[in-house]
Amino acid sequence: MSLEIQIKTILNDFEGIHSDDFLRILGEIMREFKSNVTIEYLTGKIKKINDLTDEIEKKKQCKLLLPYLDWYLQGL
């Protein structure tokens, strides 16, 4: 499945996606961002989310990062 399709799947059914899948996709698209500040910020956010043990809290934190997926798709 292409990265674009995976992102659209997440955007269409965020509640049905596991946080680990979301973070994996975010990690893949993060490498394509040109701003080191953005990459460093997302790297830190991903690490903090991965350190959480509660899936509900992970999902809340992932939801805050959904605009990065939209941002990526706009560049396609």
N, C-alpha and C. Protein backbone atom coordinates (compact mmCIF):
# COMPACT_ATOMS: atom_id res chain seq x y z
N MET A 1 0.86 -1.17 0.00
CA MET A 1 0.00 0.00 0.00
C MET A 1 0.91 1.24 0.00
N SER A 2 0.59 2.18 -0.85
CA SER A 2 1.43 3.37 -0.96
C SER A 2 1.28 4.24 0.29
N LEU A 3 2.27 5.08 0.48
CA LEU A 3 2.25 5.99 1.63
C LEU A 3 1.05 6.93 1.56
N GLU A 4 0.74 7.41 0.37
CA GLU A 4 -0.41 8.30 0.19
C GLU A 4 -1.71 7.62 0.62
N ILE A 5 -1.89 6.37 0.22
CA ILE A 5 -3.11 5.63 0.59
C ILE A 5 -3.16 5.39 2.09
N GLN A 6 -2.02 5.07 2.69
CA GLN A 6 -1.98 4.86 4.14
C GLN A 6 -2.36 6.13 4.90
N ILE A 7 -1.88 7.27 4.42
CA ILE A 7 -2.20 8.54 5.06
C ILE A 7 -3.68 8.84 4.93
N LYS A 8 -4.23 8.63 3.74
CA LYS A 8 -5.66 8.88 3.54
C LYS A 8 -6.50 7.95 4.40
N THR A 9 -6.05 6.72 4.58
CA THR A 9 -6.76 5.78 5.45
C THR A 9 -6.78 6.30 6.88
N ILE A 10 -5.66 6.79 7.34
CA ILE A 10 -5.58 7.34 8.70
C ILE A 10 -6.51 8.54 8.84
N LEU A 11 -6.48 9.42 7.86
CA LEU A 11 -7.31 10.62 7.93
C LEU A 11 -8.80 10.29 7.88
N ASN A 12 -9.15 9.25 7.15
CA ASN A 12 -10.56 8.86 7.02
C ASN A 12 -11.08 8.04 8.20
N ASP A 13 -10.17 7.33 8.89
CA ASP A 13 -10.60 6.47 9.99
C ASP A 13 -9.57 6.52 11.11
N PHE A 14 -9.34 7.72 11.64
CA PHE A 14 -8.32 7.88 12.69
C PHE A 14 -8.60 6.99 13.89
N GLU A 15 -9.84 6.90 14.29
CA GLU A 15 -10.18 6.11 15.49
C GLU A 15 -9.89 4.63 15.31
N GLY A 16 -9.88 4.14 14.08
CA GLY A 16 -9.64 2.73 13.82
C GLY A 16 -8.17 2.37 13.65
N ILE A 17 -7.30 3.35 13.75
CA ILE A 17 -5.87 3.14 13.55
C ILE A 17 -5.16 3.06 14.91
N HIS A 18 -4.27 2.11 15.05
CA HIS A 18 -3.47 1.99 16.28
C HIS A 18 -2.42 3.10 16.29
N SER A 19 -2.10 3.60 17.46
CA SER A 19 -1.14 4.70 17.57
C SER A 19 0.22 4.33 16.98
N ASP A 20 0.63 3.08 17.11
CA ASP A 20 1.93 2.65 16.55
C ASP A 20 1.95 2.80 15.03
N ASP A 21 0.84 2.49 14.39
CA ASP A 21 0.75 2.64 12.93
C ASP A 21 0.81 4.11 12.54
N PHE A 22 0.11 4.93 13.29
CA PHE A 22 0.14 6.37 13.04
C PHE A 22 1.57 6.91 13.16
N LEU A 23 2.25 6.54 14.23
CA LEU A 23 3.61 7.04 14.47
C LEU A 23 4.59 6.52 13.42
N ARG A 24 4.39 5.31 12.95
CA ARG A 24 5.24 4.76 11.90
C ARG A 24 5.10 5.58 10.62
N ILE A 25 3.87 5.87 10.24
CA ILE A 25 3.62 6.68 9.04
C ILE A 25 4.17 8.09 9.21
N LEU A 26 3.96 8.67 10.37
CA LEU A 26 4.48 10.01 10.63
C LEU A 26 6.01 10.02 10.53
N GLY A 27 6.64 8.98 11.03
CA GLY A 27 8.10 8.87 10.93
C GLY A 27 8.57 8.79 9.48
N GLU A 28 7.80 8.11 8.64
CA GLU A 28 8.16 8.01 7.23
C GLU A 28 8.05 9.35 6.51
N ILE A 29 6.98 10.07 6.77
CA ILE A 29 6.81 11.34 6.05
C ILE A 29 7.70 12.44 6.63
N MET A 30 8.05 12.30 7.89
CA MET A 30 8.87 13.30 8.56
C MET A 30 10.21 13.50 7.84
N ARG A 31 10.75 12.43 7.31
CA ARG A 31 12.04 12.50 6.62
C ARG A 31 12.01 13.38 5.38
N GLU A 32 10.81 13.61 4.87
CA GLU A 32 10.68 14.42 3.65
C GLU A 32 10.48 15.90 3.94
N PHE A 33 10.29 16.26 5.20
CA PHE A 33 10.16 17.67 5.53
C PHE A 33 11.52 18.34 5.41
N LYS A 34 11.52 19.57 4.98
CA LYS A 34 12.76 20.28 4.73
C LYS A 34 13.28 21.04 5.95
N SER A 35 12.43 21.33 6.89
CA SER A 35 12.82 22.11 8.06
C SER A 35 13.37 21.20 9.16
N ASN A 36 14.62 21.43 9.54
CA ASN A 36 15.21 20.65 10.63
C ASN A 36 14.48 20.88 11.94
N VAL A 37 13.97 22.08 12.13
CA VAL A 37 13.23 22.39 13.36
C VAL A 37 11.98 21.50 13.44
N THR A 38 11.28 21.37 12.32
CA THR A 38 10.08 20.52 12.29
C THR A 38 10.45 19.07 12.54
N ILE A 39 11.50 18.61 11.92
CA ILE A 39 11.95 17.21 12.10
C ILE A 39 12.33 16.95 13.55
N GLU A 40 13.07 17.87 14.15
CA GLU A 40 13.47 17.71 15.55
C GLU A 40 12.25 17.72 16.48
N TYR A 41 11.31 18.62 16.19
CA TYR A 41 10.09 18.70 16.99
C TYR A 41 9.32 17.37 16.92
N LEU A 42 9.11 16.87 15.71
CA LEU A 42 8.35 15.63 15.54
C LEU A 42 9.08 14.44 16.13
N THR A 43 10.39 14.41 16.02
CA THR A 43 11.17 13.33 16.62
C THR A 43 10.94 13.30 18.12
N GLY A 44 10.96 14.47 18.75
CA GLY A 44 10.71 14.55 20.19
C GLY A 44 9.29 14.14 20.55
N LYS A 45 8.31 14.59 19.75
CA LYS A 45 6.92 14.23 20.01
C LYS A 45 6.70 12.71 19.88
N ILE A 46 7.28 12.12 18.83
CA ILE A 46 7.14 10.68 18.63
C ILE A 46 7.74 9.92 19.81
N LYS A 47 8.91 10.35 20.28
CA LYS A 47 9.54 9.68 21.42
C LYS A 47 8.66 9.78 22.66
N LYS A 48 8.12 10.98 22.92
CA LYS A 48 7.26 11.15 24.10
C LYS A 48 6.01 10.30 24.01
N ILE A 49 5.43 10.23 22.83
CA ILE A 49 4.21 9.41 22.66
C ILE A 49 4.55 7.93 22.84
N ASN A 50 5.67 7.49 22.28
CA ASN A 50 6.07 6.09 22.43
C ASN A 50 6.34 5.73 23.88
N ASP A 51 6.77 6.69 24.68
CA ASP A 51 7.04 6.44 26.10
C ASP A 51 5.76 6.28 26.93
N LEU A 52 4.63 6.73 26.39
CA LEU A 52 3.36 6.58 27.11
C LEU A 52 2.93 5.12 27.10
N THR A 53 2.22 4.72 28.13
CA THR A 53 1.75 3.32 28.20
C THR A 53 0.26 3.19 27.92
N ASP A 54 -0.48 4.27 28.07
CA ASP A 54 -1.93 4.24 27.88
C ASP A 54 -2.27 4.54 26.41
N GLU A 55 -2.91 3.59 25.74
CA GLU A 55 -3.25 3.75 24.32
C GLU A 55 -4.19 4.94 24.10
N ILE A 56 -5.08 5.18 25.03
CA ILE A 56 -6.02 6.31 24.88
C ILE A 56 -5.26 7.63 24.88
N GLU A 57 -4.30 7.76 25.78
CA GLU A 57 -3.50 8.99 25.83
C GLU A 57 -2.62 9.11 24.59
N LYS A 58 -2.09 7.98 24.12
CA LYS A 58 -1.29 8.00 22.89
C LYS A 58 -2.12 8.53 21.72
N LYS A 59 -3.36 8.04 21.62
CA LYS A 59 -4.24 8.47 20.53
C LYS A 59 -4.54 9.96 20.63
N LYS A 60 -4.74 10.47 21.85
CA LYS A 60 -4.99 11.91 22.03
C LYS A 60 -3.81 12.72 21.52
N GLN A 61 -2.62 12.26 21.85
CA GLN A 61 -1.42 12.97 21.42
C GLN A 61 -1.20 12.85 19.92
N CYS A 62 -1.49 11.70 19.36
CA CYS A 62 -1.37 11.50 17.91
C CYS A 62 -2.34 12.41 17.16
N LYS A 63 -3.53 12.55 17.71
CA LYS A 63 -4.56 13.36 17.05
C LYS A 63 -4.08 14.80 16.86
N LEU A 64 -3.29 15.28 17.80
CA LEU A 64 -2.74 16.63 17.70
C LEU A 64 -1.77 16.78 16.53
N LEU A 65 -1.25 15.66 16.04
CA LEU A 65 -0.27 15.69 14.96
C LEU A 65 -0.88 15.41 13.58
N LEU A 66 -2.19 15.23 13.52
CA LEU A 66 -2.85 14.98 12.24
C LEU A 66 -2.58 16.05 11.18
N PRO A 67 -2.45 17.33 11.54
CA PRO A 67 -2.18 18.33 10.50
C PRO A 67 -0.91 18.06 9.69
N TYR A 68 0.05 17.35 10.26
CA TYR A 68 1.26 17.04 9.51
C TYR A 68 0.98 16.08 8.35
N LEU A 69 0.00 15.21 8.54
CA LEU A 69 -0.38 14.32 7.45
C LEU A 69 -1.06 15.11 6.33
N ASP A 70 -1.94 16.02 6.70
CA ASP A 70 -2.57 16.90 5.71
C ASP A 70 -1.52 17.72 4.97
N TRP A 71 -0.59 18.23 5.73
CA TRP A 71 0.47 19.06 5.17
C TRP A 71 1.26 18.26 4.13
N TYR A 72 1.57 17.01 4.47
CA TYR A 72 2.30 16.15 3.55
C TYR A 72 1.51 15.93 2.26
N LEU A 73 0.22 15.62 2.39
CA LEU A 73 -0.60 15.36 1.21
C LEU A 73 -0.74 16.59 0.32
N GLN A 74 -0.74 17.76 0.89
CA GLN A 74 -0.85 18.98 0.09
C GLN A 74 0.37 19.17 -0.80
N GLY A 75 1.49 18.59 -0.40
CA GLY A 75 2.71 18.71 -1.20
C GLY A 75 2.79 17.73 -2.34
N LEU A 76 1.87 16.77 -2.40
CA LEU A 76 1.90 15.77 -3.47
C LEU A 76 1.37 16.34 -4.78
